[in-house]
N, C-alpha and C. Protein backbone atom coordinates (compact mmCIF):
# COMPACT_ATOMS: atom_id res chain seq x y z
N MET A 1 12.47 -26.95 -9.18
CA MET A 1 12.83 -25.54 -8.99
C MET A 1 11.70 -24.62 -9.44
N THR A 2 11.14 -24.91 -10.63
CA THR A 2 10.05 -24.08 -11.15
C THR A 2 8.85 -24.13 -10.23
N ARG A 3 8.55 -25.32 -9.72
CA ARG A 3 7.41 -25.47 -8.82
C ARG A 3 7.61 -24.66 -7.53
N GLU A 4 8.85 -24.66 -7.04
CA GLU A 4 9.14 -23.93 -5.81
C GLU A 4 9.04 -22.42 -6.06
N ILE A 5 9.49 -21.97 -7.24
CA ILE A 5 9.38 -20.55 -7.58
C ILE A 5 7.92 -20.13 -7.61
N LEU A 6 7.07 -20.97 -8.21
CA LEU A 6 5.64 -20.65 -8.27
C LEU A 6 5.02 -20.61 -6.87
N ARG A 7 5.47 -21.53 -6.01
CA ARG A 7 4.93 -21.58 -4.65
C ARG A 7 5.28 -20.31 -3.87
N VAL A 8 6.55 -19.91 -3.90
CA VAL A 8 6.95 -18.72 -3.13
C VAL A 8 6.41 -17.45 -3.77
N THR A 9 6.20 -17.47 -5.10
CA THR A 9 5.57 -16.32 -5.75
C THR A 9 4.13 -16.17 -5.25
N GLY A 10 3.45 -17.31 -5.09
CA GLY A 10 2.11 -17.27 -4.51
C GLY A 10 2.11 -16.73 -3.10
N GLU A 11 3.09 -17.14 -2.29
CA GLU A 11 3.22 -16.60 -0.94
C GLU A 11 3.45 -15.10 -0.97
N HIS A 12 4.30 -14.68 -1.90
CA HIS A 12 4.63 -13.26 -2.03
C HIS A 12 3.37 -12.45 -2.36
N LEU A 13 2.60 -12.95 -3.32
CA LEU A 13 1.36 -12.27 -3.70
C LEU A 13 0.37 -12.21 -2.54
N LEU A 14 0.29 -13.31 -1.79
CA LEU A 14 -0.62 -13.36 -0.65
C LEU A 14 -0.25 -12.30 0.39
N ILE A 15 1.05 -12.19 0.68
CA ILE A 15 1.51 -11.19 1.66
C ILE A 15 1.15 -9.78 1.20
N VAL A 16 1.46 -9.49 -0.06
CA VAL A 16 1.24 -8.14 -0.57
C VAL A 16 -0.25 -7.80 -0.67
N LEU A 17 -1.04 -8.73 -1.21
CA LEU A 17 -2.47 -8.47 -1.37
C LEU A 17 -3.16 -8.31 -0.02
N ALA A 18 -2.80 -9.16 0.94
CA ALA A 18 -3.40 -9.05 2.27
C ALA A 18 -3.03 -7.72 2.92
N ALA A 19 -1.76 -7.33 2.79
CA ALA A 19 -1.29 -6.09 3.42
C ALA A 19 -1.91 -4.86 2.76
N VAL A 20 -1.88 -4.81 1.44
CA VAL A 20 -2.42 -3.63 0.75
C VAL A 20 -3.93 -3.56 0.93
N GLY A 21 -4.60 -4.71 0.89
CA GLY A 21 -6.05 -4.72 1.11
C GLY A 21 -6.41 -4.17 2.48
N ALA A 22 -5.68 -4.61 3.51
CA ALA A 22 -5.94 -4.10 4.86
C ALA A 22 -5.59 -2.62 4.96
N ALA A 23 -4.50 -2.21 4.30
CA ALA A 23 -4.09 -0.80 4.33
C ALA A 23 -5.15 0.09 3.68
N VAL A 24 -5.76 -0.38 2.60
CA VAL A 24 -6.82 0.40 1.94
C VAL A 24 -7.98 0.62 2.90
N VAL A 25 -8.37 -0.43 3.61
CA VAL A 25 -9.49 -0.35 4.55
C VAL A 25 -9.19 0.66 5.67
N ILE A 26 -7.92 0.72 6.07
CA ILE A 26 -7.53 1.64 7.15
C ILE A 26 -7.24 3.05 6.62
N ALA A 27 -6.50 3.13 5.52
CA ALA A 27 -5.94 4.41 5.07
C ALA A 27 -6.97 5.35 4.45
N ILE A 28 -7.92 4.82 3.68
CA ILE A 28 -8.89 5.72 3.04
C ILE A 28 -9.77 6.42 4.09
N PRO A 29 -10.35 5.67 5.06
CA PRO A 29 -11.08 6.40 6.11
C PRO A 29 -10.19 7.36 6.90
N LEU A 30 -8.93 6.97 7.14
CA LEU A 30 -8.01 7.86 7.85
C LEU A 30 -7.75 9.12 7.04
N GLY A 31 -7.58 8.96 5.73
CA GLY A 31 -7.37 10.13 4.87
C GLY A 31 -8.58 11.05 4.87
N ILE A 32 -9.79 10.46 4.84
CA ILE A 32 -11.01 11.26 4.90
C ILE A 32 -11.07 12.01 6.23
N TRP A 33 -10.75 11.31 7.31
CA TRP A 33 -10.76 11.93 8.64
C TRP A 33 -9.77 13.10 8.70
N CYS A 34 -8.61 12.93 8.09
CA CYS A 34 -7.60 14.00 8.09
C CYS A 34 -8.10 15.26 7.39
N THR A 35 -8.94 15.09 6.36
CA THR A 35 -9.47 16.27 5.66
C THR A 35 -10.55 16.97 6.47
N ARG A 36 -11.15 16.25 7.41
CA ARG A 36 -12.23 16.82 8.24
C ARG A 36 -11.70 17.42 9.54
N HIS A 37 -10.53 17.01 9.96
CA HIS A 37 -9.95 17.49 11.21
C HIS A 37 -8.52 17.95 10.90
N THR A 38 -8.39 19.18 10.48
CA THR A 38 -7.13 19.69 9.93
C THR A 38 -5.96 19.55 10.89
N ARG A 39 -6.09 20.04 12.10
CA ARG A 39 -4.96 20.03 13.04
C ARG A 39 -4.59 18.60 13.44
N ALA A 40 -5.59 17.82 13.87
CA ALA A 40 -5.32 16.44 14.25
C ALA A 40 -4.88 15.63 13.04
N GLY A 41 -5.41 15.99 11.86
CA GLY A 41 -5.02 15.29 10.64
C GLY A 41 -3.56 15.48 10.32
N ARG A 42 -3.05 16.69 10.54
CA ARG A 42 -1.62 16.95 10.32
C ARG A 42 -0.77 16.08 11.24
N ALA A 43 -1.21 15.95 12.50
CA ALA A 43 -0.47 15.12 13.45
C ALA A 43 -0.49 13.65 13.01
N ALA A 44 -1.64 13.18 12.53
CA ALA A 44 -1.75 11.80 12.07
C ALA A 44 -0.83 11.55 10.87
N LEU A 45 -0.77 12.52 9.97
CA LEU A 45 0.10 12.38 8.81
C LEU A 45 1.57 12.35 9.21
N ARG A 46 1.93 13.11 10.23
CA ARG A 46 3.31 13.09 10.71
C ARG A 46 3.67 11.71 11.26
N VAL A 47 2.72 11.10 11.98
CA VAL A 47 2.96 9.75 12.52
C VAL A 47 3.18 8.76 11.38
N VAL A 48 2.34 8.84 10.36
CA VAL A 48 2.45 7.95 9.21
C VAL A 48 3.78 8.19 8.49
N ASP A 49 4.18 9.47 8.40
CA ASP A 49 5.48 9.80 7.79
C ASP A 49 6.63 9.15 8.54
N VAL A 50 6.57 9.21 9.87
CA VAL A 50 7.64 8.64 10.69
C VAL A 50 7.73 7.13 10.49
N ILE A 51 6.58 6.47 10.42
CA ILE A 51 6.56 5.02 10.19
C ILE A 51 7.30 4.69 8.90
N GLN A 52 7.06 5.51 7.88
CA GLN A 52 7.67 5.25 6.57
C GLN A 52 9.19 5.39 6.60
N THR A 53 9.72 6.17 7.54
CA THR A 53 11.18 6.39 7.58
C THR A 53 11.92 5.25 8.28
N ILE A 54 11.20 4.36 8.96
CA ILE A 54 11.87 3.25 9.66
C ILE A 54 12.37 2.24 8.63
N PRO A 55 13.64 1.88 8.66
CA PRO A 55 14.16 0.88 7.71
C PRO A 55 13.36 -0.42 7.80
N SER A 56 13.14 -1.05 6.65
CA SER A 56 12.25 -2.21 6.60
C SER A 56 12.70 -3.35 7.51
N LEU A 57 13.99 -3.66 7.50
CA LEU A 57 14.47 -4.77 8.33
C LEU A 57 14.29 -4.44 9.82
N ALA A 58 14.50 -3.16 10.17
CA ALA A 58 14.30 -2.74 11.55
C ALA A 58 12.83 -2.86 11.94
N MET A 59 11.93 -2.52 11.02
CA MET A 59 10.51 -2.62 11.30
C MET A 59 10.12 -4.06 11.62
N PHE A 60 10.60 -4.99 10.80
CA PHE A 60 10.32 -6.40 11.07
C PHE A 60 10.86 -6.80 12.45
N GLY A 61 12.06 -6.31 12.76
CA GLY A 61 12.66 -6.63 14.06
C GLY A 61 11.87 -6.07 15.22
N PHE A 62 11.34 -4.84 15.06
CA PHE A 62 10.55 -4.22 16.12
C PHE A 62 9.25 -4.99 16.38
N LEU A 63 8.67 -5.56 15.32
CA LEU A 63 7.37 -6.20 15.45
C LEU A 63 7.44 -7.62 16.01
N ILE A 64 8.58 -8.28 15.87
CA ILE A 64 8.69 -9.68 16.31
C ILE A 64 8.33 -9.85 17.79
N PRO A 65 8.84 -9.02 18.71
CA PRO A 65 8.52 -9.26 20.13
C PRO A 65 7.16 -8.71 20.60
N VAL A 66 6.41 -8.04 19.70
CA VAL A 66 5.13 -7.46 20.11
C VAL A 66 4.13 -8.59 20.42
N PRO A 67 3.55 -8.60 21.63
CA PRO A 67 2.61 -9.67 21.99
C PRO A 67 1.40 -9.71 21.06
N PHE A 68 0.93 -10.91 20.77
CA PHE A 68 -0.29 -11.18 20.00
C PHE A 68 -0.16 -10.89 18.50
N ILE A 69 0.52 -9.81 18.14
CA ILE A 69 0.57 -9.46 16.71
C ILE A 69 1.94 -9.74 16.09
N GLY A 70 2.96 -9.97 16.91
CA GLY A 70 4.30 -10.17 16.38
C GLY A 70 4.64 -11.64 16.23
N GLY A 71 5.94 -11.93 16.32
CA GLY A 71 6.40 -13.30 16.18
C GLY A 71 7.04 -13.56 14.84
N ILE A 72 7.50 -14.77 14.66
CA ILE A 72 8.13 -15.18 13.41
C ILE A 72 7.06 -15.72 12.47
N GLY A 73 7.06 -15.26 11.23
CA GLY A 73 6.11 -15.80 10.27
C GLY A 73 5.46 -14.74 9.41
N MET A 74 4.49 -15.19 8.62
CA MET A 74 3.85 -14.33 7.63
C MET A 74 3.05 -13.20 8.27
N ARG A 75 2.49 -13.43 9.46
CA ARG A 75 1.67 -12.42 10.11
C ARG A 75 2.46 -11.13 10.35
N THR A 76 3.69 -11.28 10.84
CA THR A 76 4.53 -10.10 11.08
C THR A 76 4.86 -9.38 9.78
N ALA A 77 5.12 -10.16 8.73
CA ALA A 77 5.42 -9.55 7.43
C ALA A 77 4.24 -8.74 6.92
N ILE A 78 3.03 -9.29 7.05
CA ILE A 78 1.83 -8.58 6.59
C ILE A 78 1.62 -7.31 7.39
N LEU A 79 1.80 -7.39 8.71
CA LEU A 79 1.62 -6.22 9.56
C LEU A 79 2.60 -5.10 9.19
N ALA A 80 3.86 -5.47 8.96
CA ALA A 80 4.85 -4.47 8.58
C ALA A 80 4.49 -3.81 7.26
N LEU A 81 4.02 -4.61 6.30
CA LEU A 81 3.66 -4.05 5.00
C LEU A 81 2.42 -3.17 5.10
N ILE A 82 1.49 -3.50 5.99
CA ILE A 82 0.33 -2.63 6.21
C ILE A 82 0.81 -1.25 6.64
N LEU A 83 1.73 -1.22 7.59
CA LEU A 83 2.24 0.06 8.10
C LEU A 83 2.93 0.85 6.99
N TYR A 84 3.72 0.16 6.15
CA TYR A 84 4.42 0.84 5.06
C TYR A 84 3.46 1.32 3.97
N SER A 85 2.32 0.63 3.82
CA SER A 85 1.38 0.97 2.75
C SER A 85 0.47 2.15 3.11
N LEU A 86 0.46 2.53 4.39
CA LEU A 86 -0.46 3.59 4.81
C LEU A 86 -0.16 4.94 4.17
N LEU A 87 1.12 5.32 4.17
CA LEU A 87 1.48 6.68 3.75
C LEU A 87 0.99 7.05 2.35
N PRO A 88 1.33 6.28 1.30
CA PRO A 88 0.89 6.72 -0.04
C PRO A 88 -0.63 6.76 -0.18
N ILE A 89 -1.33 5.84 0.47
CA ILE A 89 -2.79 5.81 0.32
C ILE A 89 -3.43 6.96 1.10
N VAL A 90 -2.98 7.17 2.34
CA VAL A 90 -3.52 8.28 3.13
C VAL A 90 -3.24 9.61 2.44
N ARG A 91 -1.99 9.82 2.04
CA ARG A 91 -1.60 11.11 1.43
C ARG A 91 -2.39 11.36 0.14
N ASN A 92 -2.53 10.32 -0.69
CA ASN A 92 -3.23 10.52 -1.96
C ASN A 92 -4.73 10.71 -1.75
N THR A 93 -5.27 10.10 -0.70
CA THR A 93 -6.68 10.32 -0.38
C THR A 93 -6.89 11.77 0.04
N VAL A 94 -6.00 12.26 0.90
CA VAL A 94 -6.08 13.66 1.35
C VAL A 94 -5.91 14.61 0.16
N THR A 95 -4.90 14.34 -0.65
CA THR A 95 -4.64 15.20 -1.82
C THR A 95 -5.82 15.20 -2.78
N GLY A 96 -6.39 14.02 -3.02
CA GLY A 96 -7.52 13.92 -3.95
C GLY A 96 -8.74 14.68 -3.47
N ILE A 97 -9.07 14.52 -2.19
CA ILE A 97 -10.26 15.20 -1.65
C ILE A 97 -10.04 16.70 -1.58
N ARG A 98 -8.86 17.11 -1.12
CA ARG A 98 -8.59 18.55 -1.05
C ARG A 98 -8.46 19.19 -2.42
N GLY A 99 -8.21 18.38 -3.43
CA GLY A 99 -8.08 18.91 -4.78
C GLY A 99 -9.39 19.10 -5.51
N VAL A 100 -10.49 18.70 -4.88
CA VAL A 100 -11.80 18.89 -5.51
C VAL A 100 -12.11 20.39 -5.60
N ASP A 101 -12.55 20.82 -6.75
CA ASP A 101 -12.86 22.25 -6.98
C ASP A 101 -13.90 22.73 -5.96
N PRO A 102 -13.59 23.81 -5.23
CA PRO A 102 -14.56 24.35 -4.25
C PRO A 102 -15.92 24.66 -4.87
N LYS A 103 -15.92 25.06 -6.14
CA LYS A 103 -17.20 25.37 -6.81
C LYS A 103 -18.07 24.13 -6.94
N VAL A 104 -17.42 22.97 -7.12
CA VAL A 104 -18.17 21.72 -7.21
C VAL A 104 -18.80 21.40 -5.86
N ARG A 105 -18.04 21.61 -4.78
CA ARG A 105 -18.59 21.41 -3.44
C ARG A 105 -19.77 22.35 -3.19
N GLU A 106 -19.58 23.61 -3.56
CA GLU A 106 -20.64 24.59 -3.35
C GLU A 106 -21.89 24.21 -4.12
N ALA A 107 -21.72 23.68 -5.30
CA ALA A 107 -22.87 23.25 -6.10
C ALA A 107 -23.60 22.11 -5.41
N GLY A 108 -22.83 21.18 -4.84
CA GLY A 108 -23.43 20.07 -4.11
C GLY A 108 -24.20 20.54 -2.89
N ILE A 109 -23.62 21.47 -2.16
CA ILE A 109 -24.28 22.02 -0.98
C ILE A 109 -25.56 22.75 -1.38
N ALA A 110 -25.49 23.49 -2.50
CA ALA A 110 -26.66 24.23 -2.98
C ALA A 110 -27.79 23.28 -3.39
N MET A 111 -27.41 22.07 -3.82
CA MET A 111 -28.41 21.07 -4.20
C MET A 111 -28.99 20.35 -3.00
N GLY A 112 -28.49 20.70 -1.81
CA GLY A 112 -29.03 20.10 -0.60
C GLY A 112 -28.35 18.82 -0.16
N PHE A 113 -27.14 18.55 -0.67
CA PHE A 113 -26.42 17.35 -0.27
C PHE A 113 -26.04 17.43 1.20
N THR A 114 -26.20 16.33 1.91
CA THR A 114 -25.68 16.23 3.27
C THR A 114 -24.17 16.04 3.20
N PRO A 115 -23.43 16.25 4.30
CA PRO A 115 -21.99 16.00 4.26
C PRO A 115 -21.64 14.59 3.79
N ARG A 116 -22.44 13.61 4.18
CA ARG A 116 -22.20 12.24 3.75
C ARG A 116 -22.40 12.08 2.25
N GLN A 117 -23.48 12.66 1.74
CA GLN A 117 -23.75 12.60 0.30
C GLN A 117 -22.66 13.34 -0.48
N LEU A 118 -22.23 14.47 0.05
CA LEU A 118 -21.17 15.24 -0.60
C LEU A 118 -19.89 14.42 -0.70
N LEU A 119 -19.59 13.67 0.36
CA LEU A 119 -18.38 12.84 0.38
C LEU A 119 -18.48 11.71 -0.64
N PHE A 120 -19.58 10.95 -0.59
CA PHE A 120 -19.68 9.74 -1.40
C PHE A 120 -20.12 9.99 -2.84
N GLU A 121 -20.80 11.08 -3.08
CA GLU A 121 -21.30 11.33 -4.43
C GLU A 121 -20.50 12.39 -5.20
N VAL A 122 -19.68 13.15 -4.48
CA VAL A 122 -18.91 14.20 -5.15
C VAL A 122 -17.41 14.03 -4.91
N GLU A 123 -17.01 14.12 -3.64
CA GLU A 123 -15.58 14.17 -3.33
C GLU A 123 -14.85 12.86 -3.65
N LEU A 124 -15.33 11.74 -3.15
CA LEU A 124 -14.63 10.47 -3.39
C LEU A 124 -14.57 10.09 -4.87
N PRO A 125 -15.68 10.23 -5.63
CA PRO A 125 -15.57 9.92 -7.06
C PRO A 125 -14.53 10.78 -7.78
N LEU A 126 -14.45 12.07 -7.42
CA LEU A 126 -13.47 12.95 -8.06
C LEU A 126 -12.04 12.66 -7.57
N ALA A 127 -11.93 12.18 -6.32
CA ALA A 127 -10.61 11.87 -5.76
C ALA A 127 -10.13 10.47 -6.13
N LEU A 128 -11.00 9.67 -6.74
CA LEU A 128 -10.67 8.26 -6.99
C LEU A 128 -9.39 8.04 -7.80
N PRO A 129 -9.13 8.82 -8.86
CA PRO A 129 -7.86 8.60 -9.58
C PRO A 129 -6.64 8.79 -8.68
N SER A 130 -6.67 9.79 -7.82
CA SER A 130 -5.56 10.02 -6.89
C SER A 130 -5.43 8.88 -5.90
N ILE A 131 -6.57 8.37 -5.41
CA ILE A 131 -6.55 7.26 -4.45
C ILE A 131 -5.97 6.00 -5.10
N ILE A 132 -6.38 5.73 -6.33
CA ILE A 132 -5.86 4.56 -7.05
C ILE A 132 -4.36 4.69 -7.27
N ALA A 133 -3.91 5.91 -7.54
CA ALA A 133 -2.46 6.14 -7.69
C ALA A 133 -1.74 5.80 -6.40
N GLY A 134 -2.33 6.15 -5.26
CA GLY A 134 -1.73 5.81 -3.97
C GLY A 134 -1.67 4.32 -3.75
N ILE A 135 -2.74 3.61 -4.13
CA ILE A 135 -2.76 2.15 -4.00
C ILE A 135 -1.71 1.53 -4.91
N ARG A 136 -1.55 2.10 -6.11
CA ARG A 136 -0.52 1.59 -7.04
C ARG A 136 0.87 1.72 -6.43
N ILE A 137 1.17 2.88 -5.86
CA ILE A 137 2.48 3.09 -5.24
C ILE A 137 2.69 2.12 -4.08
N ALA A 138 1.64 1.97 -3.25
CA ALA A 138 1.75 1.07 -2.10
C ALA A 138 1.99 -0.37 -2.54
N THR A 139 1.33 -0.78 -3.61
CA THR A 139 1.48 -2.16 -4.09
C THR A 139 2.87 -2.41 -4.65
N VAL A 140 3.33 -1.49 -5.48
CA VAL A 140 4.65 -1.66 -6.10
C VAL A 140 5.75 -1.65 -5.04
N VAL A 141 5.67 -0.70 -4.11
CA VAL A 141 6.65 -0.64 -3.02
C VAL A 141 6.54 -1.89 -2.14
N GLY A 142 5.31 -2.32 -1.88
CA GLY A 142 5.10 -3.50 -1.04
C GLY A 142 5.70 -4.76 -1.63
N ILE A 143 5.64 -4.89 -2.93
CA ILE A 143 6.22 -6.07 -3.58
C ILE A 143 7.73 -6.13 -3.33
N GLY A 144 8.37 -4.97 -3.37
CA GLY A 144 9.80 -4.93 -3.11
C GLY A 144 10.13 -5.17 -1.65
N VAL A 145 9.39 -4.50 -0.75
CA VAL A 145 9.66 -4.63 0.69
C VAL A 145 9.35 -6.05 1.17
N ALA A 146 8.38 -6.70 0.55
CA ALA A 146 7.98 -8.05 0.97
C ALA A 146 9.11 -9.07 0.82
N THR A 147 10.11 -8.75 0.02
CA THR A 147 11.25 -9.68 -0.09
C THR A 147 12.01 -9.80 1.23
N ILE A 148 11.86 -8.77 2.09
CA ILE A 148 12.52 -8.81 3.40
C ILE A 148 11.78 -9.76 4.35
N ALA A 149 10.54 -10.13 3.99
CA ALA A 149 9.74 -10.98 4.87
C ALA A 149 10.43 -12.30 5.18
N ALA A 150 11.25 -12.77 4.26
CA ALA A 150 11.95 -14.04 4.49
C ALA A 150 12.87 -13.97 5.70
N ALA A 151 13.32 -12.76 6.05
CA ALA A 151 14.22 -12.61 7.20
C ALA A 151 13.52 -12.93 8.51
N VAL A 152 12.18 -12.86 8.53
CA VAL A 152 11.43 -13.18 9.75
C VAL A 152 10.55 -14.40 9.55
N GLY A 153 10.93 -15.23 8.58
CA GLY A 153 10.18 -16.45 8.33
C GLY A 153 8.85 -16.25 7.66
N GLY A 154 8.70 -15.13 6.96
CA GLY A 154 7.43 -14.83 6.31
C GLY A 154 7.24 -15.46 4.96
N GLY A 155 8.29 -16.06 4.42
CA GLY A 155 8.19 -16.68 3.11
C GLY A 155 8.30 -15.66 1.99
N GLY A 156 7.82 -16.04 0.82
CA GLY A 156 7.87 -15.15 -0.33
C GLY A 156 9.18 -15.28 -1.11
N LEU A 157 9.32 -14.44 -2.12
CA LEU A 157 10.47 -14.53 -3.02
C LEU A 157 11.79 -14.17 -2.36
N GLY A 158 11.72 -13.48 -1.24
CA GLY A 158 12.95 -13.17 -0.51
C GLY A 158 13.66 -14.41 0.00
N THR A 159 12.92 -15.52 0.11
CA THR A 159 13.54 -16.78 0.53
C THR A 159 14.69 -17.14 -0.39
N PHE A 160 14.45 -17.04 -1.69
CA PHE A 160 15.51 -17.33 -2.66
C PHE A 160 16.64 -16.31 -2.58
N ILE A 161 16.28 -15.04 -2.40
CA ILE A 161 17.29 -13.99 -2.37
C ILE A 161 18.23 -14.18 -1.18
N PHE A 162 17.66 -14.38 0.01
CA PHE A 162 18.49 -14.57 1.21
C PHE A 162 19.32 -15.85 1.10
N ARG A 163 18.72 -16.90 0.56
CA ARG A 163 19.47 -18.15 0.40
C ARG A 163 20.60 -17.97 -0.59
N GLY A 164 20.32 -17.24 -1.67
CA GLY A 164 21.35 -17.00 -2.67
C GLY A 164 22.49 -16.16 -2.15
N VAL A 165 22.17 -15.15 -1.33
CA VAL A 165 23.21 -14.31 -0.74
C VAL A 165 24.08 -15.15 0.21
N ALA A 166 23.43 -15.99 1.03
CA ALA A 166 24.18 -16.82 1.97
C ALA A 166 25.11 -17.80 1.27
N MET A 167 24.66 -18.30 0.12
CA MET A 167 25.45 -19.30 -0.62
C MET A 167 26.29 -18.67 -1.73
N VAL A 168 26.19 -17.33 -1.86
CA VAL A 168 26.86 -16.62 -2.96
C VAL A 168 26.49 -17.27 -4.29
N ASP A 169 25.17 -17.46 -4.48
CA ASP A 169 24.65 -18.13 -5.67
C ASP A 169 23.78 -17.14 -6.45
N THR A 170 24.33 -16.62 -7.53
CA THR A 170 23.61 -15.63 -8.33
C THR A 170 22.33 -16.19 -8.90
N ARG A 171 22.32 -17.47 -9.24
CA ARG A 171 21.14 -18.10 -9.82
C ARG A 171 19.96 -18.04 -8.85
N LEU A 172 20.22 -18.32 -7.59
CA LEU A 172 19.16 -18.28 -6.58
C LEU A 172 18.68 -16.85 -6.33
N ILE A 173 19.63 -15.91 -6.32
CA ILE A 173 19.25 -14.50 -6.13
C ILE A 173 18.32 -14.05 -7.25
N LEU A 174 18.68 -14.40 -8.48
CA LEU A 174 17.85 -14.03 -9.62
C LEU A 174 16.50 -14.74 -9.59
N ALA A 175 16.46 -15.97 -9.06
CA ALA A 175 15.21 -16.71 -8.96
C ALA A 175 14.21 -15.99 -8.08
N GLY A 176 14.71 -15.21 -7.12
CA GLY A 176 13.81 -14.41 -6.29
C GLY A 176 13.62 -13.00 -6.80
N ALA A 177 14.70 -12.40 -7.32
CA ALA A 177 14.64 -11.01 -7.73
C ALA A 177 13.85 -10.78 -9.02
N LEU A 178 14.02 -11.66 -10.00
CA LEU A 178 13.35 -11.46 -11.29
C LEU A 178 11.83 -11.59 -11.19
N PRO A 179 11.30 -12.63 -10.52
CA PRO A 179 9.83 -12.67 -10.37
C PRO A 179 9.29 -11.49 -9.58
N ALA A 180 10.04 -11.02 -8.56
CA ALA A 180 9.59 -9.86 -7.78
C ALA A 180 9.53 -8.62 -8.67
N ALA A 181 10.55 -8.45 -9.51
CA ALA A 181 10.55 -7.31 -10.43
C ALA A 181 9.40 -7.42 -11.43
N ALA A 182 9.15 -8.64 -11.92
CA ALA A 182 8.05 -8.84 -12.87
C ALA A 182 6.70 -8.53 -12.23
N LEU A 183 6.53 -8.94 -10.97
CA LEU A 183 5.28 -8.64 -10.26
C LEU A 183 5.10 -7.14 -10.09
N ALA A 184 6.18 -6.44 -9.74
CA ALA A 184 6.10 -5.00 -9.55
C ALA A 184 5.73 -4.28 -10.85
N ILE A 185 6.35 -4.70 -11.95
CA ILE A 185 6.05 -4.09 -13.25
C ILE A 185 4.61 -4.37 -13.65
N ALA A 186 4.16 -5.62 -13.45
CA ALA A 186 2.79 -5.99 -13.81
C ALA A 186 1.78 -5.19 -12.98
N ALA A 187 2.05 -5.06 -11.67
CA ALA A 187 1.14 -4.30 -10.81
C ALA A 187 1.08 -2.84 -11.23
N ASP A 188 2.24 -2.27 -11.58
CA ASP A 188 2.29 -0.88 -12.00
C ASP A 188 1.48 -0.68 -13.28
N LEU A 189 1.62 -1.60 -14.22
CA LEU A 189 0.89 -1.48 -15.49
C LEU A 189 -0.62 -1.60 -15.28
N VAL A 190 -1.02 -2.56 -14.44
CA VAL A 190 -2.45 -2.77 -14.21
C VAL A 190 -3.07 -1.56 -13.53
N PHE A 191 -2.44 -1.08 -12.46
CA PHE A 191 -3.01 0.05 -11.73
C PHE A 191 -2.95 1.34 -12.55
N THR A 192 -1.91 1.49 -13.38
CA THR A 192 -1.82 2.67 -14.24
C THR A 192 -2.97 2.67 -15.25
N ALA A 193 -3.27 1.48 -15.80
CA ALA A 193 -4.38 1.37 -16.75
C ALA A 193 -5.72 1.69 -16.07
N VAL A 194 -5.90 1.17 -14.85
CA VAL A 194 -7.13 1.44 -14.10
C VAL A 194 -7.24 2.93 -13.78
N GLU A 195 -6.13 3.51 -13.36
CA GLU A 195 -6.11 4.93 -13.02
C GLU A 195 -6.49 5.79 -14.22
N ARG A 196 -5.92 5.46 -15.38
CA ARG A 196 -6.23 6.24 -16.60
C ARG A 196 -7.70 6.10 -16.97
N ARG A 197 -8.22 4.87 -16.83
CA ARG A 197 -9.62 4.64 -17.18
C ARG A 197 -10.55 5.42 -16.25
N VAL A 198 -10.24 5.39 -14.95
CA VAL A 198 -11.06 6.11 -13.98
C VAL A 198 -10.95 7.61 -14.21
N ARG A 199 -9.71 8.08 -14.47
CA ARG A 199 -9.51 9.51 -14.70
C ARG A 199 -10.30 9.98 -15.93
N GLY A 200 -10.34 9.12 -16.95
CA GLY A 200 -11.09 9.47 -18.15
C GLY A 200 -12.59 9.50 -17.93
N ALA A 201 -13.05 8.70 -16.93
CA ALA A 201 -14.48 8.65 -16.64
C ALA A 201 -14.94 9.77 -15.73
N VAL A 202 -13.97 10.39 -15.03
CA VAL A 202 -14.33 11.47 -14.10
C VAL A 202 -14.56 12.75 -14.88
N PRO A 203 -15.71 13.40 -14.72
CA PRO A 203 -15.95 14.66 -15.44
C PRO A 203 -15.00 15.74 -15.00
N SER A 204 -14.47 16.48 -15.93
CA SER A 204 -13.51 17.55 -15.61
C SER A 204 -14.24 18.83 -15.27
């Protein structure tokens, strides 16, 4: 039993890390783009908002019949979690960049910074605590949503939860729920510590 719990916990971590990692690669550039194109950026944010409102089980169901990217298994679970992870990272990237003091931007421009230099040497470093907070939210939420992955054959700790519900076995439900809760708490603590450290390193 212990060995099986460790195995599905590993699957759970793989799903979440793959999804959040891919979401970071997509969401941060998207958030930057939204700050550069105000009107189109608002439309993009609305689309991301709508994705977030789709119930998780329905999202998995919608993705199963999609050619090439859907189907039964871990791939569909990862794709669904990528979509759910976009909103907090995109929003926090936008909030962080827009929250940079205009005087700091003006100082950078006065020093001759190009738009690219201004982004990478001024805006992103100052927005980093907000971006990390978005990644923390996406990770913690993803750990919980990933338990639904078992419904589409994605594996993870939800396997125990669904099996326990079907058998009305509290022990099996807890075998999936408790490690998932522990992972979420651990992720929150780690990212909170990183966020505080980065925030302390950012000049005010």
